[in-house]
Amino acid sequence: MFGLTEYRAPRLTAAYQLWAANAPEYADSDDWLDAAQEWHRTYLANQAAA
């Protein structure tokens, strides 16, 4: 898994928005999208440092 890529981001964001609209009680305080973006930034930084 290489984190949240530009290819995956729009699809995952749309899926999350649909989930949040239909089941907000499960999406409240869910930070998976932010965590995926942070992980991807870390991955890219590690690749650049290698």
C-alpha atoms as a PDB file:
ATOM      1  CA  MET A   1       0.000   0.000   0.000  1.00  0.00           C
ATOM      2  CA  PHE A   2       1.491   3.298  -1.043  1.00  0.00           C
ATOM      3  CA  GLY A   3      -0.930   5.534   0.786  1.00  0.00           C
ATOM      4  CA  LEU A   4      -3.405   7.892  -0.743  1.00  0.00           C
ATOM      5  CA  THR A   5      -2.440   8.573  -4.346  1.00  0.00           C
ATOM      6  CA  GLU A   6      -3.901  11.161  -6.698  1.00  0.00           C
ATOM      7  CA  TYR A   7      -5.602   8.293  -8.501  1.00  0.00           C
ATOM      8  CA  ARG A   8      -7.282   6.921  -5.380  1.00  0.00           C
ATOM      9  CA  ALA A   9      -8.065  10.170  -3.564  1.00  0.00           C
ATOM     10  CA  PRO A  10     -11.155  11.240  -5.562  1.00  0.00           C
ATOM     11  CA  ARG A  11     -12.725   7.782  -5.357  1.00  0.00           C
ATOM     12  CA  LEU A  12     -12.052   7.377  -1.653  1.00  0.00           C
ATOM     13  CA  THR A  13     -13.236  10.894  -0.907  1.00  0.00           C
ATOM     14  CA  ALA A  14     -16.475  10.257  -2.800  1.00  0.00           C
ATOM     15  CA  ALA A  15     -16.978   6.969  -0.971  1.00  0.00           C
ATOM     16  CA  TYR A  16     -16.391   8.627   2.383  1.00  0.00           C
ATOM     17  CA  GLN A  17     -18.815  11.459   1.570  1.00  0.00           C
ATOM     18  CA  LEU A  18     -21.476   8.931   0.627  1.00  0.00           C
ATOM     19  CA  TRP A  19     -20.860   7.031   3.854  1.00  0.00           C
ATOM     20  CA  ALA A  20     -20.987  10.247   5.910  1.00  0.00           C
ATOM     21  CA  ALA A  21     -24.235  11.320   4.241  1.00  0.00           C
ATOM     22  CA  ASN A  22     -25.963   7.984   4.806  1.00  0.00           C
ATOM     23  CA  ALA A  23     -24.494   6.926   8.147  1.00  0.00           C
ATOM     24  CA  PRO A  24     -23.109  10.028   9.862  1.00  0.00           C
ATOM     25  CA  GLU A  25     -23.034   8.317  13.242  1.00  0.00           C
ATOM     26  CA  TYR A  26     -20.271   6.058  11.921  1.00  0.00           C
ATOM     27  CA  ALA A  27     -18.344   8.807  10.141  1.00  0.00           C
ATOM     28  CA  ASP A  28     -18.167  11.306  13.008  1.00  0.00           C
ATOM     29  CA  SER A  29     -14.589  11.762  14.197  1.00  0.00           C
ATOM     30  CA  ASP A  30     -13.359   9.251  11.616  1.00  0.00           C
ATOM     31  CA  ASP A  31     -10.026  10.563  10.427  1.00  0.00           C
ATOM     32  CA  TRP A  32      -8.994   7.787   8.038  1.00  0.00           C
ATOM     33  CA  LEU A  33      -8.699  10.191   5.108  1.00  0.00           C
ATOM     34  CA  ASP A  34      -6.404  12.533   7.029  1.00  0.00           C
ATOM     35  CA  ALA A  35      -4.397   9.555   8.268  1.00  0.00           C
ATOM     36  CA  ALA A  36      -4.020   8.188   4.731  1.00  0.00           C
ATOM     37  CA  GLN A  37      -2.808  11.561   3.465  1.00  0.00           C
ATOM     38  CA  GLU A  38      -0.298  11.862   6.295  1.00  0.00           C
ATOM     39  CA  TRP A  39       0.948   8.319   5.711  1.00  0.00           C
ATOM     40  CA  HIS A  40       1.419   9.072   2.012  1.00  0.00           C
ATOM     41  CA  ARG A  41       3.402  12.247   2.788  1.00  0.00           C
ATOM     42  CA  THR A  42       5.618  10.201   5.109  1.00  0.00           C
ATOM     43  CA  TYR A  43       6.060   7.536   2.447  1.00  0.00           C
ATOM     44  CA  LEU A  44       7.075  10.130  -0.166  1.00  0.00           C
ATOM     45  CA  ALA A  45       9.512  11.781   2.247  1.00  0.00           C
ATOM     46  CA  ASN A  46      11.120   8.411   3.002  1.00  0.00           C
ATOM     47  CA  GLN A  47      11.404   7.650  -0.725  1.00  0.00           C
ATOM     48  CA  ALA A  48      13.066  11.018  -1.358  1.00  0.00           C
ATOM     49  CA  ALA A  49      15.515  10.456   1.502  1.00  0.00           C
ATOM     50  CA  ALA A  50      16.528   6.980   0.288  1.00  0.00           C
END
